[in-house]
Amino acid sequence: MKTMKTVKVYEWLVNQGLAASATNFWNTFGELEFVETDGIQAFLHLVYGIGDDKYLFRKMECDVSTQMTPGWI
């Protein structure tokens, strides 16, 4: 399963000027060390809707490293 570090996604949202989204993301996933990419995509879809969510995720995926979480493969 592909994941991203929760804190890195949060920092990326803040750096993009999306402070409200960053806060909502942290409130939703902040207790987790890693978030599955499917969860991130679902979050972006709920917040930004069709189209913008896919663009933001592709940009995020380039800027924030993804990894395969051991034991989830």
PDB file of N, CA and C in Angstrom:
ATOM      1  N   MET A   1       0.845  -1.169   0.000  1.00  0.00           N
ATOM      2  CA  MET A   1       0.000   0.000   0.000  1.00  0.00           C
ATOM      3  C   MET A   1       0.896   1.240   0.000  1.00  0.00           C
ATOM      4  N   LYS A   2       0.631   2.183  -0.845  1.00  0.00           N
ATOM      5  CA  LYS A   2       1.396   3.425  -0.888  1.00  0.00           C
ATOM      6  C   LYS A   2       0.916   4.361   0.217  1.00  0.00           C
ATOM      7  N   THR A   3       1.866   4.983   0.874  1.00  0.00           N
ATOM      8  CA  THR A   3       1.544   5.915   1.956  1.00  0.00           C
ATOM      9  C   THR A   3       2.414   7.161   1.839  1.00  0.00           C
ATOM     10  N   MET A   4       2.015   8.178   2.577  1.00  0.00           N
ATOM     11  CA  MET A   4       2.825   9.384   2.725  1.00  0.00           C
ATOM     12  C   MET A   4       2.866   9.712   4.208  1.00  0.00           C
ATOM     13  N   LYS A   5       3.956  10.338   4.639  1.00  0.00           N
ATOM     14  CA  LYS A   5       4.047  10.761   6.037  1.00  0.00           C
ATOM     15  C   LYS A   5       3.016  11.864   6.279  1.00  0.00           C
ATOM     16  N   THR A   6       2.252  11.698   7.330  1.00  0.00           N
ATOM     17  CA  THR A   6       1.186  12.632   7.656  1.00  0.00           C
ATOM     18  C   THR A   6       1.719  14.045   7.837  1.00  0.00           C
ATOM     19  N   VAL A   7       2.797  14.185   8.570  1.00  0.00           N
ATOM     20  CA  VAL A   7       3.337  15.520   8.842  1.00  0.00           C
ATOM     21  C   VAL A   7       3.835  16.189   7.558  1.00  0.00           C
ATOM     22  N   LYS A   8       4.361  15.419   6.624  1.00  0.00           N
ATOM     23  CA  LYS A   8       4.847  15.980   5.360  1.00  0.00           C
ATOM     24  C   LYS A   8       3.687  16.472   4.499  1.00  0.00           C
ATOM     25  N   VAL A   9       2.586  15.737   4.490  1.00  0.00           N
ATOM     26  CA  VAL A   9       1.404  16.176   3.741  1.00  0.00           C
ATOM     27  C   VAL A   9       0.859  17.462   4.368  1.00  0.00           C
ATOM     28  N   TYR A  10       0.784  17.488   5.692  1.00  0.00           N
ATOM     29  CA  TYR A  10       0.331  18.683   6.399  1.00  0.00           C
ATOM     30  C   TYR A  10       1.213  19.885   6.046  1.00  0.00           C
ATOM     31  N   GLU A  11       2.525  19.706   6.113  1.00  0.00           N
ATOM     32  CA  GLU A  11       3.454  20.796   5.793  1.00  0.00           C
ATOM     33  C   GLU A  11       3.296  21.250   4.349  1.00  0.00           C
ATOM     34  N   TRP A  12       3.074  20.307   3.443  1.00  0.00           N
ATOM     35  CA  TRP A  12       2.888  20.650   2.030  1.00  0.00           C
ATOM     36  C   TRP A  12       1.649  21.516   1.853  1.00  0.00           C
ATOM     37  N   LEU A  13       0.555  21.138   2.507  1.00  0.00           N
ATOM     38  CA  LEU A  13      -0.672  21.936   2.410  1.00  0.00           C
ATOM     39  C   LEU A  13      -0.447  23.351   2.942  1.00  0.00           C
ATOM     40  N   VAL A  14       0.250  23.477   4.058  1.00  0.00           N
ATOM     41  CA  VAL A  14       0.559  24.791   4.625  1.00  0.00           C
ATOM     42  C   VAL A  14       1.406  25.602   3.650  1.00  0.00           C
ATOM     43  N   ASN A  15       2.429  24.981   3.077  1.00  0.00           N
ATOM     44  CA  ASN A  15       3.329  25.672   2.144  1.00  0.00           C
ATOM     45  C   ASN A  15       2.624  26.100   0.863  1.00  0.00           C
ATOM     46  N   GLN A  16       1.524  25.436   0.519  1.00  0.00           N
ATOM     47  CA  GLN A  16       0.753  25.809  -0.664  1.00  0.00           C
ATOM     48  C   GLN A  16      -0.239  26.930  -0.354  1.00  0.00           C
ATOM     49  N   GLY A  17      -0.287  27.368   0.899  1.00  0.00           N
ATOM     50  CA  GLY A  17      -1.217  28.420   1.291  1.00  0.00           C
ATOM     51  C   GLY A  17      -2.617  27.906   1.581  1.00  0.00           C
ATOM     52  N   LEU A  18      -2.720  26.621   1.869  1.00  0.00           N
ATOM     53  CA  LEU A  18      -4.010  25.978   2.125  1.00  0.00           C
ATOM     54  C   LEU A  18      -4.146  25.672   3.615  1.00  0.00           C
ATOM     55  N   ALA A  19      -4.050  26.714   4.433  1.00  0.00           N
ATOM     56  CA  ALA A  19      -4.010  26.541   5.888  1.00  0.00           C
ATOM     57  C   ALA A  19      -5.266  25.874   6.437  1.00  0.00           C
ATOM     58  N   ALA A  20      -6.437  26.254   5.950  1.00  0.00           N
ATOM     59  CA  ALA A  20      -7.679  25.651   6.443  1.00  0.00           C
ATOM     60  C   ALA A  20      -7.714  24.162   6.108  1.00  0.00           C
ATOM     61  N   SER A  21      -7.308  23.812   4.908  1.00  0.00           N
ATOM     62  CA  SER A  21      -7.260  22.399   4.511  1.00  0.00           C
ATOM     63  C   SER A  21      -6.231  21.640   5.332  1.00  0.00           C
ATOM     64  N   ALA A  22      -5.102  22.282   5.601  1.00  0.00           N
ATOM     65  CA  ALA A  22      -4.057  21.645   6.406  1.00  0.00           C
ATOM     66  C   ALA A  22      -4.587  21.331   7.802  1.00  0.00           C
ATOM     67  N   THR A  23      -5.310  22.279   8.381  1.00  0.00           N
ATOM     68  CA  THR A  23      -5.888  22.061   9.714  1.00  0.00           C
ATOM     69  C   THR A  23      -6.893  20.928   9.694  1.00  0.00           C
ATOM     70  N   ASN A  24      -7.767  20.911   8.688  1.00  0.00           N
ATOM     71  CA  ASN A  24      -8.747  19.824   8.568  1.00  0.00           C
ATOM     72  C   ASN A  24      -8.062  18.478   8.354  1.00  0.00           C
ATOM     73  N   PHE A  25      -7.008  18.477   7.540  1.00  0.00           N
ATOM     74  CA  PHE A  25      -6.257  17.247   7.301  1.00  0.00           C
ATOM     75  C   PHE A  25      -5.646  16.749   8.607  1.00  0.00           C
ATOM     76  N   TRP A  26      -5.029  17.660   9.362  1.00  0.00           N
ATOM     77  CA  TRP A  26      -4.387  17.275  10.618  1.00  0.00           C
ATOM     78  C   TRP A  26      -5.417  16.762  11.619  1.00  0.00           C
ATOM     79  N   ASN A  27      -6.573  17.412  11.681  1.00  0.00           N
ATOM     80  CA  ASN A  27      -7.625  16.969  12.598  1.00  0.00           C
ATOM     81  C   ASN A  27      -8.138  15.581  12.226  1.00  0.00           C
ATOM     82  N   THR A  28      -8.096  15.253  10.950  1.00  0.00           N
ATOM     83  CA  THR A  28      -8.572  13.948  10.484  1.00  0.00           C
ATOM     84  C   THR A  28      -7.514  12.858  10.634  1.00  0.00           C
ATOM     85  N   PHE A  29      -6.275  13.148  10.254  1.00  0.00           N
ATOM     86  CA  PHE A  29      -5.239  12.115  10.170  1.00  0.00           C
ATOM     87  C   PHE A  29      -4.061  12.321  11.125  1.00  0.00           C
ATOM     88  N   GLY A  30      -4.091  13.346  11.943  1.00  0.00           N
ATOM     89  CA  GLY A  30      -2.936  13.724  12.754  1.00  0.00           C
ATOM     90  C   GLY A  30      -2.407  12.668  13.702  1.00  0.00           C
ATOM     91  N   GLU A  31      -3.236  11.733  14.110  1.00  0.00           N
ATOM     92  CA  GLU A  31      -2.778  10.694  15.035  1.00  0.00           C
ATOM     93  C   GLU A  31      -2.011   9.572  14.337  1.00  0.00           C
ATOM     94  N   LEU A  32      -2.026   9.574  13.001  1.00  0.00           N
ATOM     95  CA  LEU A  32      -1.355   8.528  12.232  1.00  0.00           C
ATOM     96  C   LEU A  32       0.018   9.018  11.781  1.00  0.00           C
ATOM     97  N   GLU A  33       0.994   8.113  11.787  1.00  0.00           N
ATOM     98  CA  GLU A  33       2.315   8.478  11.276  1.00  0.00           C
ATOM     99  C   GLU A  33       2.306   8.524   9.753  1.00  0.00           C
ATOM    100  N   PHE A  34       1.592   7.581   9.144  1.00  0.00           N
ATOM    101  CA  PHE A  34       1.489   7.492   7.693  1.00  0.00           C
ATOM    102  C   PHE A  34       0.015   7.482   7.302  1.00  0.00           C
ATOM    103  N   VAL A  35      -0.285   8.038   6.130  1.00  0.00           N
ATOM    104  CA  VAL A  35      -1.647   8.019   5.585  1.00  0.00           C
ATOM    105  C   VAL A  35      -1.584   7.344   4.222  1.00  0.00           C
ATOM    106  N   GLU A  36      -2.506   6.434   3.977  1.00  0.00           N
ATOM    107  CA  GLU A  36      -2.575   5.786   2.673  1.00  0.00           C
ATOM    108  C   GLU A  36      -2.941   6.823   1.617  1.00  0.00           C
ATOM    109  N   THR A  37      -2.389   6.665   0.438  1.00  0.00           N
ATOM    110  CA  THR A  37      -2.662   7.634  -0.623  1.00  0.00           C
ATOM    111  C   THR A  37      -4.146   7.671  -0.978  1.00  0.00           C
ATOM    112  N   ASP A  38      -4.842   6.550  -0.851  1.00  0.00           N
ATOM    113  CA  ASP A  38      -6.286   6.540  -1.122  1.00  0.00           C
ATOM    114  C   ASP A  38      -7.029   7.466  -0.161  1.00  0.00           C
ATOM    115  N   GLY A  39      -6.599   7.499   1.085  1.00  0.00           N
ATOM    116  CA  GLY A  39      -7.208   8.384   2.071  1.00  0.00           C
ATOM    117  C   GLY A  39      -6.948   9.841   1.759  1.00  0.00           C
ATOM    118  N   ILE A  40      -5.743  10.143   1.297  1.00  0.00           N
ATOM    119  CA  ILE A  40      -5.401  11.517   0.929  1.00  0.00           C
ATOM    120  C   ILE A  40      -6.242  11.952  -0.267  1.00  0.00           C
ATOM    121  N   GLN A  41      -6.366  11.075  -1.257  1.00  0.00           N
ATOM    122  CA  GLN A  41      -7.172  11.403  -2.432  1.00  0.00           C
ATOM    123  C   GLN A  41      -8.631  11.623  -2.053  1.00  0.00           C
ATOM    124  N   ALA A  42      -9.163  10.802  -1.181  1.00  0.00           N
ATOM    125  CA  ALA A  42     -10.550  10.965  -0.740  1.00  0.00           C
ATOM    126  C   ALA A  42     -10.727  12.290  -0.001  1.00  0.00           C
ATOM    127  N   PHE A  43      -9.772  12.650   0.842  1.00  0.00           N
ATOM    128  CA  PHE A  43      -9.819  13.919   1.561  1.00  0.00           C
ATOM    129  C   PHE A  43      -9.832  15.086   0.573  1.00  0.00           C
ATOM    130  N   LEU A  44      -8.918  15.074  -0.398  1.00  0.00           N
ATOM    131  CA  LEU A  44      -8.855  16.154  -1.376  1.00  0.00           C
ATOM    132  C   LEU A  44     -10.128  16.228  -2.207  1.00  0.00           C
ATOM    133  N   HIS A  45     -10.708  15.084  -2.521  1.00  0.00           N
ATOM    134  CA  HIS A  45     -11.953  15.059  -3.296  1.00  0.00           C
ATOM    135  C   HIS A  45     -13.085  15.716  -2.500  1.00  0.00           C
ATOM    136  N   LEU A  46     -13.177  15.418  -1.224  1.00  0.00           N
ATOM    137  CA  LEU A  46     -14.224  16.024  -0.395  1.00  0.00           C
ATOM    138  C   LEU A  46     -14.044  17.530  -0.274  1.00  0.00           C
ATOM    139  N   VAL A  47     -12.813  17.973  -0.163  1.00  0.00           N
ATOM    140  CA  VAL A  47     -12.542  19.400   0.049  1.00  0.00           C
ATOM    141  C   VAL A  47     -12.601  20.196  -1.255  1.00  0.00           C
ATOM    142  N   TYR A  48     -12.046  19.644  -2.337  1.00  0.00           N
ATOM    143  CA  TYR A  48     -11.888  20.412  -3.573  1.00  0.00           C
ATOM    144  C   TYR A  48     -12.753  19.952  -4.739  1.00  0.00           C
ATOM    145  N   GLY A  49     -13.362  18.793  -4.651  1.00  0.00           N
ATOM    146  CA  GLY A  49     -14.246  18.341  -5.719  1.00  0.00           C
ATOM    147  C   GLY A  49     -13.494  17.728  -6.890  1.00  0.00           C
ATOM    148  N   ILE A  50     -14.269  17.344  -7.878  1.00  0.00           N
ATOM    149  CA  ILE A  50     -13.741  16.642  -9.045  1.00  0.00           C
ATOM    150  C   ILE A  50     -12.848  17.573  -9.860  1.00  0.00           C
ATOM    151  N   GLY A  51     -11.739  17.067 -10.306  1.00  0.00           N
ATOM    152  CA  GLY A  51     -10.812  17.817 -11.146  1.00  0.00           C
ATOM    153  C   GLY A  51      -9.671  18.412 -10.340  1.00  0.00           C
ATOM    154  N   ASP A  52      -9.989  19.364  -9.465  1.00  0.00           N
ATOM    155  CA  ASP A  52      -8.951  19.999  -8.660  1.00  0.00           C
ATOM    156  C   ASP A  52      -8.273  19.007  -7.734  1.00  0.00           C
ATOM    157  N   ASP A  53      -9.043  18.036  -7.227  1.00  0.00           N
ATOM    158  CA  ASP A  53      -8.462  17.051  -6.320  1.00  0.00           C
ATOM    159  C   ASP A  53      -7.373  16.235  -7.005  1.00  0.00           C
ATOM    160  N   LYS A  54      -7.586  15.845  -8.239  1.00  0.00           N
ATOM    161  CA  LYS A  54      -6.597  15.041  -8.957  1.00  0.00           C
ATOM    162  C   LYS A  54      -5.341  15.864  -9.251  1.00  0.00           C
ATOM    163  N   TYR A  55      -5.530  17.135  -9.626  1.00  0.00           N
ATOM    164  CA  TYR A  55      -4.389  18.016  -9.883  1.00  0.00           C
ATOM    165  C   TYR A  55      -3.564  18.195  -8.612  1.00  0.00           C
ATOM    166  N   LEU A  56      -4.224  18.509  -7.500  1.00  0.00           N
ATOM    167  CA  LEU A  56      -3.515  18.714  -6.239  1.00  0.00           C
ATOM    168  C   LEU A  56      -2.788  17.454  -5.804  1.00  0.00           C
ATOM    169  N   PHE A  57      -3.434  16.295  -5.973  1.00  0.00           N
ATOM    170  CA  PHE A  57      -2.780  15.053  -5.556  1.00  0.00           C
ATOM    171  C   PHE A  57      -1.538  14.780  -6.399  1.00  0.00           C
ATOM    172  N   ARG A  58      -1.620  14.978  -7.704  1.00  0.00           N
ATOM    173  CA  ARG A  58      -0.445  14.743  -8.563  1.00  0.00           C
ATOM    174  C   ARG A  58       0.695  15.672  -8.168  1.00  0.00           C
ATOM    175  N   LYS A  59       0.374  16.937  -7.894  1.00  0.00           N
ATOM    176  CA  LYS A  59       1.406  17.893  -7.470  1.00  0.00           C
ATOM    177  C   LYS A  59       1.988  17.474  -6.123  1.00  0.00           C
ATOM    178  N   MET A  60       1.119  17.079  -5.205  1.00  0.00           N
ATOM    179  CA  MET A  60       1.574  16.650  -3.884  1.00  0.00           C
ATOM    180  C   MET A  60       2.464  15.419  -4.005  1.00  0.00           C
ATOM    181  N   GLU A  61       2.065  14.484  -4.840  1.00  0.00           N
ATOM    182  CA  GLU A  61       2.814  13.239  -5.001  1.00  0.00           C
ATOM    183  C   GLU A  61       4.227  13.514  -5.521  1.00  0.00           C
ATOM    184  N   CYS A  62       4.375  14.541  -6.355  1.00  0.00           N
ATOM    185  CA  CYS A  62       5.701  14.907  -6.858  1.00  0.00           C
ATOM    186  C   CYS A  62       6.540  15.570  -5.771  1.00  0.00           C
ATOM    187  N   ASP A  63       5.899  16.372  -4.927  1.00  0.00           N
ATOM    188  CA  ASP A  63       6.622  17.142  -3.916  1.00  0.00           C
ATOM    189  C   ASP A  63       6.883  16.363  -2.625  1.00  0.00           C
ATOM    190  N   VAL A  64       5.962  15.494  -2.262  1.00  0.00           N
ATOM    191  CA  VAL A  64       6.071  14.711  -1.016  1.00  0.00           C
ATOM    192  C   VAL A  64       6.371  13.275  -1.432  1.00  0.00           C
ATOM    193  N   SER A  65       7.427  12.716  -0.887  1.00  0.00           N
ATOM    194  CA  SER A  65       7.797  11.361  -1.307  1.00  0.00           C
ATOM    195  C   SER A  65       6.767  10.346  -0.830  1.00  0.00           C
ATOM    196  N   THR A  66       6.461   9.406  -1.692  1.00  0.00           N
ATOM    197  CA  THR A  66       5.588   8.301  -1.323  1.00  0.00           C
ATOM    198  C   THR A  66       6.479   7.092  -1.026  1.00  0.00           C
ATOM    199  N   GLN A  67       5.959   6.174  -0.279  1.00  0.00           N
ATOM    200  CA  GLN A  67       6.736   4.977   0.019  1.00  0.00           C
ATOM    201  C   GLN A  67       5.781   3.817   0.213  1.00  0.00           C
ATOM    202  N   MET A  68       6.336   2.652   0.123  1.00  0.00           N
ATOM    203  CA  MET A  68       5.580   1.448   0.424  1.00  0.00           C
ATOM    204  C   MET A  68       5.788   1.157   1.890  1.00  0.00           C
ATOM    205  N   THR A  69       4.704   1.110   2.638  1.00  0.00           N
ATOM    206  CA  THR A  69       4.811   0.867   4.064  1.00  0.00           C
ATOM    207  C   THR A  69       5.060  -0.619   4.307  1.00  0.00           C
ATOM    208  N   PRO A  70       6.116  -0.962   5.030  1.00  0.00           N
ATOM    209  CA  PRO A  70       6.414  -2.369   5.311  1.00  0.00           C
ATOM    210  C   PRO A  70       5.235  -3.060   5.993  1.00  0.00           C
ATOM    211  N   GLY A  71       4.959  -4.250   5.552  1.00  0.00           N
ATOM    212  CA  GLY A  71       3.875  -5.021   6.150  1.00  0.00           C
ATOM    213  C   GLY A  71       2.523  -4.736   5.540  1.00  0.00           C
ATOM    214  N   TRP A  72       2.402  -3.721   4.717  1.00  0.00           N
ATOM    215  CA  TRP A  72       1.120  -3.388   4.081  1.00  0.00           C
ATOM    216  C   TRP A  72       1.091  -3.769   2.617  1.00  0.00           C
ATOM    217  N   ILE A  73       2.179  -4.374   2.151  1.00  0.00           N
ATOM    218  CA  ILE A  73       2.292  -4.699   0.722  1.00  0.00           C
ATOM    219  C   ILE A  73       1.433  -5.898   0.404  1.00  0.00           C
TER     220      ILE A  73
END
